[in-house]
N, C-alpha and C. Protein backbone atom coordinates (compact mmCIF):
# COMPACT_ATOMS: atom_id res chain seq x y z
N MET A 1 200.51 -38.70 -60.65
CA MET A 1 199.61 -39.82 -60.40
C MET A 1 200.08 -40.51 -59.12
N SER A 2 199.12 -40.88 -58.30
CA SER A 2 199.46 -41.52 -57.04
C SER A 2 199.90 -42.97 -57.25
N THR A 3 200.64 -43.47 -56.29
CA THR A 3 201.13 -44.84 -56.36
C THR A 3 199.99 -45.84 -56.35
N TRP A 4 198.99 -45.62 -55.48
CA TRP A 4 197.86 -46.57 -55.41
C TRP A 4 197.13 -46.63 -56.74
N PHE A 5 196.99 -45.48 -57.40
CA PHE A 5 196.28 -45.49 -58.68
C PHE A 5 197.11 -46.18 -59.76
N PHE A 6 198.41 -46.00 -59.72
CA PHE A 6 199.28 -46.67 -60.67
C PHE A 6 199.12 -48.20 -60.55
N PHE A 7 199.14 -48.70 -59.32
CA PHE A 7 199.00 -50.15 -59.12
C PHE A 7 197.59 -50.63 -59.46
N LEU A 8 196.58 -49.85 -59.13
CA LEU A 8 195.20 -50.20 -59.51
C LEU A 8 195.09 -50.27 -61.03
N SER A 9 195.72 -49.35 -61.72
CA SER A 9 195.70 -49.34 -63.18
C SER A 9 196.39 -50.56 -63.76
N GLN A 10 197.53 -50.93 -63.20
CA GLN A 10 198.25 -52.11 -63.67
C GLN A 10 197.39 -53.37 -63.49
N PHE A 11 196.78 -53.51 -62.32
CA PHE A 11 195.88 -54.63 -62.06
C PHE A 11 194.72 -54.62 -63.05
N SER A 12 194.18 -53.46 -63.32
CA SER A 12 193.02 -53.34 -64.21
C SER A 12 193.36 -53.72 -65.64
N ILE A 13 194.53 -53.35 -66.10
CA ILE A 13 194.96 -53.74 -67.44
C ILE A 13 194.96 -55.27 -67.55
N LEU A 14 195.52 -55.92 -66.55
CA LEU A 14 195.56 -57.39 -66.54
C LEU A 14 194.16 -57.98 -66.42
N ALA A 15 193.34 -57.43 -65.54
CA ALA A 15 191.98 -57.95 -65.35
C ALA A 15 191.15 -57.81 -66.61
N PHE A 16 191.22 -56.64 -67.26
CA PHE A 16 190.49 -56.46 -68.52
C PHE A 16 190.96 -57.47 -69.56
N GLY A 17 192.26 -57.71 -69.60
CA GLY A 17 192.81 -58.68 -70.55
C GLY A 17 192.36 -60.10 -70.27
N VAL A 18 192.35 -60.49 -68.99
CA VAL A 18 191.89 -61.83 -68.62
C VAL A 18 190.42 -62.00 -68.99
N LEU A 19 189.60 -61.02 -68.65
CA LEU A 19 188.17 -61.08 -68.99
C LEU A 19 187.97 -61.15 -70.50
N ALA A 20 188.74 -60.36 -71.24
CA ALA A 20 188.64 -60.41 -72.71
C ALA A 20 188.96 -61.81 -73.21
N GLY A 21 189.93 -62.47 -72.61
CA GLY A 21 190.29 -63.82 -73.02
C GLY A 21 189.17 -64.83 -72.75
N VAL A 22 188.52 -64.70 -71.62
CA VAL A 22 187.40 -65.60 -71.31
C VAL A 22 186.27 -65.37 -72.32
N PHE A 23 185.94 -64.11 -72.54
CA PHE A 23 184.87 -63.80 -73.50
C PHE A 23 185.25 -64.27 -74.91
N LEU A 24 186.51 -64.09 -75.28
CA LEU A 24 186.97 -64.52 -76.60
C LEU A 24 186.82 -66.03 -76.76
N ALA A 25 187.17 -66.78 -75.73
CA ALA A 25 187.03 -68.24 -75.82
C ALA A 25 185.58 -68.63 -76.11
N PHE A 26 184.65 -67.97 -75.45
CA PHE A 26 183.24 -68.29 -75.71
C PHE A 26 182.84 -67.91 -77.13
N SER A 27 183.20 -66.72 -77.56
CA SER A 27 182.81 -66.29 -78.91
C SER A 27 183.51 -67.08 -80.00
N ASP A 28 184.75 -67.46 -79.76
CA ASP A 28 185.54 -68.09 -80.79
C ASP A 28 185.24 -69.57 -80.97
N PHE A 29 185.15 -70.33 -79.86
CA PHE A 29 184.97 -71.77 -80.05
C PHE A 29 184.01 -72.46 -79.08
N ILE A 30 183.80 -71.94 -77.91
CA ILE A 30 182.91 -72.63 -76.97
C ILE A 30 181.48 -72.64 -77.47
N MET A 31 180.96 -71.49 -77.86
CA MET A 31 179.56 -71.44 -78.33
C MET A 31 179.39 -72.26 -79.61
N ARG A 32 180.37 -72.21 -80.49
CA ARG A 32 180.29 -73.01 -81.72
C ARG A 32 180.28 -74.50 -81.36
N SER A 33 181.11 -74.90 -80.43
CA SER A 33 181.15 -76.29 -80.00
C SER A 33 179.83 -76.71 -79.37
N LEU A 34 179.27 -75.86 -78.53
CA LEU A 34 177.98 -76.17 -77.92
C LEU A 34 176.89 -76.29 -78.98
N SER A 35 176.95 -75.44 -80.00
CA SER A 35 175.93 -75.49 -81.05
C SER A 35 176.04 -76.77 -81.88
N LEU A 36 177.22 -77.35 -81.95
CA LEU A 36 177.44 -78.57 -82.73
C LEU A 36 177.22 -79.84 -81.92
N SER A 37 176.97 -79.69 -80.64
CA SER A 37 176.72 -80.86 -79.78
C SER A 37 175.42 -81.53 -80.19
N HIS A 38 175.37 -82.84 -80.01
CA HIS A 38 174.20 -83.62 -80.41
C HIS A 38 173.04 -83.41 -79.45
N GLY A 39 171.85 -83.38 -80.01
CA GLY A 39 170.64 -83.29 -79.21
C GLY A 39 170.61 -82.04 -78.35
N ALA A 40 170.34 -82.26 -77.09
CA ALA A 40 170.20 -81.15 -76.14
C ALA A 40 171.48 -80.90 -75.35
N ALA A 41 172.58 -81.54 -75.69
CA ALA A 41 173.81 -81.45 -74.90
C ALA A 41 174.33 -80.02 -74.79
N GLY A 42 174.31 -79.27 -75.88
CA GLY A 42 174.79 -77.89 -75.84
C GLY A 42 173.94 -77.01 -74.95
N ILE A 43 172.64 -77.20 -75.03
CA ILE A 43 171.71 -76.43 -74.20
C ILE A 43 171.95 -76.74 -72.73
N GLU A 44 172.02 -78.02 -72.42
CA GLU A 44 172.25 -78.44 -71.03
C GLU A 44 173.58 -77.90 -70.51
N ALA A 45 174.62 -77.97 -71.33
CA ALA A 45 175.93 -77.48 -70.91
C ALA A 45 175.88 -75.98 -70.63
N MET A 46 175.20 -75.21 -71.48
CA MET A 46 175.11 -73.77 -71.27
C MET A 46 174.29 -73.46 -70.03
N GLN A 47 173.26 -74.21 -69.76
CA GLN A 47 172.49 -74.01 -68.53
C GLN A 47 173.36 -74.24 -67.30
N VAL A 48 174.20 -75.27 -67.35
CA VAL A 48 175.11 -75.53 -66.23
C VAL A 48 176.16 -74.42 -66.11
N ILE A 49 176.73 -74.01 -67.22
CA ILE A 49 177.71 -72.92 -67.20
C ILE A 49 177.10 -71.68 -66.57
N ASN A 50 175.88 -71.34 -66.97
CA ASN A 50 175.22 -70.14 -66.45
C ASN A 50 174.93 -70.22 -64.95
N ARG A 51 174.77 -71.42 -64.43
CA ARG A 51 174.58 -71.58 -62.97
C ARG A 51 175.92 -71.53 -62.25
N GLU A 52 176.91 -72.18 -62.80
CA GLU A 52 178.20 -72.32 -62.13
C GLU A 52 179.06 -71.06 -62.17
N VAL A 53 178.82 -70.19 -63.14
CA VAL A 53 179.66 -69.00 -63.29
C VAL A 53 179.62 -68.10 -62.05
N PHE A 54 178.53 -68.19 -61.29
CA PHE A 54 178.39 -67.35 -60.10
C PHE A 54 179.29 -67.79 -58.95
N ARG A 55 179.89 -68.94 -59.02
CA ARG A 55 180.62 -69.50 -57.89
C ARG A 55 182.14 -69.39 -58.01
N TYR A 56 182.63 -68.77 -59.04
CA TYR A 56 184.07 -68.85 -59.27
C TYR A 56 184.73 -67.48 -59.50
N VAL A 57 186.02 -67.52 -59.69
CA VAL A 57 186.85 -66.34 -59.82
C VAL A 57 186.36 -65.40 -60.91
N PHE A 58 185.87 -65.95 -62.01
CA PHE A 58 185.41 -65.10 -63.11
C PHE A 58 184.40 -64.07 -62.62
N MET A 59 183.42 -64.49 -61.85
CA MET A 59 182.38 -63.57 -61.42
C MET A 59 182.93 -62.52 -60.46
N ILE A 60 183.85 -62.90 -59.59
CA ILE A 60 184.47 -61.94 -58.68
C ILE A 60 185.20 -60.88 -59.50
N LEU A 61 185.95 -61.32 -60.49
CA LEU A 61 186.69 -60.39 -61.33
C LEU A 61 185.74 -59.53 -62.16
N PHE A 62 184.75 -60.16 -62.78
CA PHE A 62 183.79 -59.43 -63.61
C PHE A 62 183.04 -58.38 -62.79
N MET A 63 182.49 -58.78 -61.66
CA MET A 63 181.73 -57.84 -60.81
C MET A 63 182.66 -56.81 -60.17
N GLY A 64 183.81 -57.24 -59.73
CA GLY A 64 184.75 -56.34 -59.07
C GLY A 64 185.27 -55.24 -59.97
N MET A 65 185.35 -55.52 -61.26
CA MET A 65 185.86 -54.50 -62.18
C MET A 65 184.85 -53.38 -62.44
N ALA A 66 183.60 -53.57 -62.08
CA ALA A 66 182.62 -52.49 -62.25
C ALA A 66 182.95 -51.31 -61.32
N PRO A 67 183.07 -51.52 -60.00
CA PRO A 67 183.45 -50.38 -59.16
C PRO A 67 184.86 -49.86 -59.45
N VAL A 68 185.75 -50.77 -59.80
CA VAL A 68 187.11 -50.33 -60.17
C VAL A 68 187.03 -49.42 -61.40
N SER A 69 186.18 -49.76 -62.34
CA SER A 69 186.02 -48.93 -63.54
C SER A 69 185.44 -47.57 -63.21
N LEU A 70 184.57 -47.52 -62.22
CA LEU A 70 184.07 -46.21 -61.75
C LEU A 70 185.22 -45.37 -61.21
N VAL A 71 186.10 -46.00 -60.45
CA VAL A 71 187.27 -45.29 -59.91
C VAL A 71 188.16 -44.82 -61.05
N LEU A 72 188.41 -45.69 -62.03
CA LEU A 72 189.24 -45.30 -63.17
C LEU A 72 188.63 -44.11 -63.90
N ALA A 73 187.33 -44.18 -64.17
CA ALA A 73 186.66 -43.10 -64.90
C ALA A 73 186.69 -41.80 -64.09
N GLY A 74 186.41 -41.90 -62.81
CA GLY A 74 186.41 -40.70 -61.96
C GLY A 74 187.79 -40.09 -61.80
N TYR A 75 188.78 -40.93 -61.55
CA TYR A 75 190.14 -40.45 -61.37
C TYR A 75 190.66 -39.84 -62.67
N GLY A 76 190.39 -40.53 -63.77
CA GLY A 76 190.83 -40.00 -65.06
C GLY A 76 190.16 -38.68 -65.41
N ALA A 77 188.90 -38.54 -65.05
CA ALA A 77 188.16 -37.32 -65.39
C ALA A 77 188.46 -36.16 -64.46
N PHE A 78 188.73 -36.44 -63.17
CA PHE A 78 188.80 -35.34 -62.20
C PHE A 78 190.13 -35.18 -61.48
N ALA A 79 190.95 -36.20 -61.41
CA ALA A 79 192.17 -36.11 -60.60
C ALA A 79 193.44 -35.87 -61.41
N ILE A 80 193.41 -36.15 -62.69
CA ILE A 80 194.57 -35.94 -63.54
C ILE A 80 194.13 -35.21 -64.80
N SER A 81 195.09 -34.69 -65.54
CA SER A 81 194.73 -33.93 -66.74
C SER A 81 195.59 -34.37 -67.92
N GLY A 82 195.17 -33.93 -69.09
CA GLY A 82 195.90 -34.25 -70.32
C GLY A 82 195.26 -35.40 -71.07
N PRO A 83 195.85 -35.75 -72.23
CA PRO A 83 195.27 -36.82 -73.05
C PRO A 83 195.24 -38.17 -72.34
N GLY A 84 196.22 -38.42 -71.50
CA GLY A 84 196.24 -39.67 -70.75
C GLY A 84 195.04 -39.82 -69.84
N SER A 85 194.63 -38.70 -69.23
CA SER A 85 193.49 -38.76 -68.32
C SER A 85 192.20 -39.11 -69.08
N THR A 86 192.06 -38.59 -70.27
CA THR A 86 190.88 -38.89 -71.09
C THR A 86 190.84 -40.36 -71.46
N LEU A 87 191.99 -40.91 -71.82
CA LEU A 87 192.06 -42.33 -72.18
C LEU A 87 191.75 -43.22 -70.97
N ILE A 88 192.23 -42.84 -69.81
CA ILE A 88 191.96 -43.61 -68.59
C ILE A 88 190.48 -43.56 -68.25
N ALA A 89 189.89 -42.38 -68.33
CA ALA A 89 188.45 -42.25 -68.06
C ALA A 89 187.65 -43.07 -69.07
N LEU A 90 188.05 -43.03 -70.33
CA LEU A 90 187.35 -43.82 -71.36
C LEU A 90 187.44 -45.32 -71.09
N ALA A 91 188.58 -45.77 -70.60
CA ALA A 91 188.73 -47.20 -70.28
C ALA A 91 187.68 -47.63 -69.27
N GLY A 92 187.50 -46.84 -68.22
CA GLY A 92 186.49 -47.16 -67.22
C GLY A 92 185.09 -47.11 -67.79
N ILE A 93 184.81 -46.11 -68.60
CA ILE A 93 183.47 -45.96 -69.19
C ILE A 93 183.17 -47.10 -70.16
N VAL A 94 184.15 -47.48 -70.97
CA VAL A 94 183.96 -48.58 -71.92
C VAL A 94 183.60 -49.86 -71.17
N TYR A 95 184.32 -50.15 -70.09
CA TYR A 95 184.00 -51.36 -69.34
C TYR A 95 182.58 -51.28 -68.77
N LEU A 96 182.27 -50.16 -68.15
CA LEU A 96 180.95 -50.04 -67.51
C LEU A 96 179.81 -50.18 -68.50
N ILE A 97 179.94 -49.56 -69.66
CA ILE A 97 178.83 -49.58 -70.63
C ILE A 97 178.86 -50.83 -71.51
N ALA A 98 180.00 -51.07 -72.15
CA ALA A 98 180.05 -52.11 -73.19
C ALA A 98 180.37 -53.51 -72.67
N VAL A 99 180.74 -53.62 -71.41
CA VAL A 99 180.95 -54.96 -70.83
C VAL A 99 179.88 -55.21 -69.77
N PHE A 100 179.92 -54.43 -68.70
CA PHE A 100 178.96 -54.64 -67.62
C PHE A 100 177.53 -54.36 -68.08
N GLY A 101 177.33 -53.22 -68.74
CA GLY A 101 175.99 -52.86 -69.21
C GLY A 101 175.44 -53.85 -70.23
N VAL A 102 176.25 -54.23 -71.20
CA VAL A 102 175.82 -55.20 -72.21
C VAL A 102 175.46 -56.53 -71.55
N THR A 103 176.23 -56.94 -70.56
CA THR A 103 175.93 -58.19 -69.86
C THR A 103 174.56 -58.12 -69.20
N VAL A 104 174.31 -57.04 -68.49
CA VAL A 104 173.05 -56.88 -67.75
C VAL A 104 171.86 -56.75 -68.70
N VAL A 105 172.03 -56.00 -69.77
CA VAL A 105 170.90 -55.71 -70.66
C VAL A 105 170.65 -56.82 -71.69
N PHE A 106 171.69 -57.50 -72.14
CA PHE A 106 171.52 -58.46 -73.23
C PHE A 106 171.81 -59.92 -72.83
N ASN A 107 173.00 -60.20 -72.30
CA ASN A 107 173.38 -61.58 -72.05
C ASN A 107 172.60 -62.21 -70.89
N VAL A 108 172.47 -61.50 -69.78
CA VAL A 108 171.77 -62.07 -68.63
C VAL A 108 170.30 -62.38 -68.94
N PRO A 109 169.55 -61.49 -69.61
CA PRO A 109 168.16 -61.86 -69.94
C PRO A 109 168.06 -63.11 -70.82
N LEU A 110 169.00 -63.28 -71.74
CA LEU A 110 169.00 -64.50 -72.55
C LEU A 110 169.29 -65.72 -71.67
N ASN A 111 170.24 -65.59 -70.74
CA ASN A 111 170.54 -66.68 -69.82
C ASN A 111 169.33 -67.02 -68.95
N GLU A 112 168.65 -65.99 -68.47
CA GLU A 112 167.47 -66.21 -67.63
C GLU A 112 166.33 -66.85 -68.42
N ALA A 113 166.21 -66.50 -69.69
CA ALA A 113 165.18 -67.13 -70.52
C ALA A 113 165.49 -68.60 -70.75
N LEU A 114 166.77 -68.93 -70.93
CA LEU A 114 167.17 -70.31 -71.19
C LEU A 114 167.11 -71.19 -69.94
N ALA A 115 167.37 -70.61 -68.78
CA ALA A 115 167.51 -71.38 -67.54
C ALA A 115 166.35 -72.33 -67.23
N PRO A 116 165.10 -71.89 -67.29
CA PRO A 116 164.02 -72.82 -66.91
C PRO A 116 163.55 -73.74 -68.02
N MET A 117 164.08 -73.58 -69.21
CA MET A 117 163.60 -74.36 -70.35
C MET A 117 164.02 -75.82 -70.27
N ASP A 118 163.17 -76.68 -70.76
CA ASP A 118 163.45 -78.11 -70.86
C ASP A 118 164.26 -78.35 -72.13
N PRO A 119 165.52 -78.77 -72.01
CA PRO A 119 166.36 -78.94 -73.19
C PRO A 119 165.83 -79.94 -74.21
N GLY A 120 164.95 -80.82 -73.79
CA GLY A 120 164.45 -81.85 -74.68
C GLY A 120 163.31 -81.42 -75.59
N THR A 121 162.76 -80.23 -75.38
CA THR A 121 161.61 -79.82 -76.18
C THR A 121 162.03 -79.12 -77.47
N GLN A 122 161.17 -79.20 -78.45
CA GLN A 122 161.42 -78.56 -79.74
C GLN A 122 161.45 -77.04 -79.60
N SER A 123 160.59 -76.48 -78.75
CA SER A 123 160.57 -75.02 -78.59
C SER A 123 161.87 -74.52 -77.97
N THR A 124 162.45 -75.28 -77.05
CA THR A 124 163.74 -74.90 -76.47
C THR A 124 164.83 -74.97 -77.52
N ARG A 125 164.84 -76.01 -78.31
CA ARG A 125 165.86 -76.13 -79.37
C ARG A 125 165.72 -75.02 -80.39
N ARG A 126 164.50 -74.64 -80.69
CA ARG A 126 164.27 -73.54 -81.63
C ARG A 126 164.78 -72.22 -81.04
N PHE A 127 164.48 -71.97 -79.76
CA PHE A 127 165.00 -70.78 -79.08
C PHE A 127 166.52 -70.80 -79.09
N TRP A 128 167.11 -71.96 -78.79
CA TRP A 128 168.57 -72.12 -78.76
C TRP A 128 169.19 -71.77 -80.10
N THR A 129 168.67 -72.34 -81.18
CA THR A 129 169.29 -72.15 -82.49
C THR A 129 168.89 -70.84 -83.16
N ASP A 130 167.65 -70.43 -83.01
CA ASP A 130 167.17 -69.24 -83.73
C ASP A 130 167.42 -67.93 -82.99
N THR A 131 167.54 -67.98 -81.67
CA THR A 131 167.67 -66.75 -80.89
C THR A 131 168.93 -66.73 -80.04
N TYR A 132 169.03 -67.68 -79.13
CA TYR A 132 170.08 -67.64 -78.11
C TYR A 132 171.48 -67.61 -78.69
N LEU A 133 171.82 -68.60 -79.50
CA LEU A 133 173.18 -68.71 -80.01
C LEU A 133 173.62 -67.44 -80.75
N LEU A 134 172.78 -66.96 -81.63
CA LEU A 134 173.15 -65.79 -82.43
C LEU A 134 173.28 -64.53 -81.58
N ARG A 135 172.27 -64.25 -80.79
CA ARG A 135 172.27 -63.01 -79.99
C ARG A 135 173.31 -63.05 -78.88
N TRP A 136 173.34 -64.15 -78.14
CA TRP A 136 174.27 -64.24 -77.02
C TRP A 136 175.71 -64.11 -77.50
N THR A 137 176.03 -64.81 -78.59
CA THR A 137 177.39 -64.77 -79.11
C THR A 137 177.73 -63.38 -79.66
N PHE A 138 176.79 -62.72 -80.33
CA PHE A 138 177.04 -61.37 -80.81
C PHE A 138 177.38 -60.44 -79.64
N TRP A 139 176.53 -60.43 -78.61
CA TRP A 139 176.77 -59.53 -77.49
C TRP A 139 178.00 -59.94 -76.70
N ASN A 140 178.31 -61.22 -76.66
CA ASN A 140 179.54 -61.65 -76.02
C ASN A 140 180.76 -61.14 -76.80
N SER A 141 180.66 -61.11 -78.11
CA SER A 141 181.76 -60.58 -78.92
C SER A 141 181.94 -59.09 -78.68
N VAL A 142 180.85 -58.37 -78.46
CA VAL A 142 180.94 -56.95 -78.08
C VAL A 142 181.70 -56.83 -76.76
N ARG A 143 181.38 -57.69 -75.80
CA ARG A 143 182.09 -57.66 -74.52
C ARG A 143 183.57 -57.98 -74.69
N THR A 144 183.88 -58.92 -75.58
CA THR A 144 185.29 -59.28 -75.84
C THR A 144 186.06 -58.06 -76.34
N PHE A 145 185.53 -57.43 -77.37
CA PHE A 145 186.18 -56.25 -77.95
C PHE A 145 186.29 -55.14 -76.92
N ALA A 146 185.22 -54.92 -76.14
CA ALA A 146 185.22 -53.83 -75.16
C ALA A 146 186.24 -54.05 -74.05
N CYS A 147 186.37 -55.28 -73.58
CA CYS A 147 187.40 -55.56 -72.56
C CYS A 147 188.80 -55.31 -73.11
N ALA A 148 189.04 -55.77 -74.33
CA ALA A 148 190.35 -55.53 -74.94
C ALA A 148 190.57 -54.03 -75.15
N ALA A 149 189.53 -53.33 -75.57
CA ALA A 149 189.65 -51.88 -75.77
C ALA A 149 189.91 -51.17 -74.45
N ALA A 150 189.22 -51.56 -73.38
CA ALA A 150 189.44 -50.94 -72.08
C ALA A 150 190.87 -51.16 -71.62
N SER A 151 191.39 -52.36 -71.81
CA SER A 151 192.77 -52.65 -71.45
C SER A 151 193.73 -51.78 -72.26
N GLY A 152 193.51 -51.70 -73.56
CA GLY A 152 194.37 -50.90 -74.43
C GLY A 152 194.30 -49.41 -74.11
N LEU A 153 193.09 -48.90 -73.88
CA LEU A 153 192.93 -47.48 -73.54
C LEU A 153 193.65 -47.14 -72.25
N LEU A 154 193.52 -48.02 -71.27
CA LEU A 154 194.18 -47.78 -69.99
C LEU A 154 195.70 -47.83 -70.14
N LEU A 155 196.19 -48.78 -70.87
CA LEU A 155 197.63 -48.89 -71.11
C LEU A 155 198.15 -47.66 -71.86
N TRP A 156 197.42 -47.25 -72.87
CA TRP A 156 197.79 -46.07 -73.65
C TRP A 156 197.76 -44.82 -72.78
N GLY A 157 196.73 -44.70 -71.95
CA GLY A 157 196.63 -43.54 -71.05
C GLY A 157 197.78 -43.48 -70.07
N LEU A 158 198.14 -44.61 -69.50
CA LEU A 158 199.28 -44.64 -68.58
C LEU A 158 200.58 -44.30 -69.29
N GLY A 159 200.68 -44.75 -70.55
CA GLY A 159 201.86 -44.40 -71.34
C GLY A 159 201.99 -42.90 -71.56
N TYR A 160 200.90 -42.26 -71.88
CA TYR A 160 200.90 -40.80 -72.03
C TYR A 160 201.35 -40.12 -70.75
N ILE A 161 200.79 -40.55 -69.65
CA ILE A 161 201.10 -39.91 -68.36
C ILE A 161 202.55 -40.14 -67.99
N SER A 162 203.05 -41.33 -68.17
CA SER A 162 204.43 -41.61 -67.78
C SER A 162 205.43 -40.86 -68.66
N HIS A 163 205.08 -40.63 -69.92
CA HIS A 163 205.99 -39.87 -70.80
C HIS A 163 205.90 -38.38 -70.58
N SER A 164 204.82 -37.91 -69.98
CA SER A 164 204.67 -36.47 -69.76
C SER A 164 205.23 -36.02 -68.41
N GLN A 165 205.55 -36.98 -67.53
CA GLN A 165 206.11 -36.63 -66.23
C GLN A 165 207.62 -36.46 -66.35
N PRO A 166 208.16 -35.49 -65.65
CA PRO A 166 209.61 -35.28 -65.71
C PRO A 166 210.36 -36.48 -65.09
N ALA A 167 211.51 -36.77 -65.65
CA ALA A 167 212.31 -37.92 -65.20
C ALA A 167 212.99 -37.64 -63.89
């Protein structure tokens, strides 16, 4: 395994873990807290979060890990061999499908539906409680598990490779 790939893998393990932590915070207590907020406060807060997320480190890391995951999947599938290579390729695929793909297909459309809504209306509150909170949190939990799984798969794959190389 090349040195650049080893360092990219180490960075990716940490990045997947950091992203899993952010997603976990939302699934574990942020969404519950927003749902318990009085009146339209939770809706308004989520609308602000969805606008502000594009301006900070989280989005750079989240978006940046998509091409990195392509590199992990490709390198694991074509540049190295053995069980470690399969685990490394799976780590990249898991991120691409179950984190990036789930975000694009499920979470973003819910965010886009919520964005223009007036938090003070009954129809918005009904959408918030009957649809948004349940679905968004479910798919966010999928992203949480997938990020943790990608980190673990990559770590496990690197462990296999390092133990199979002569000392």
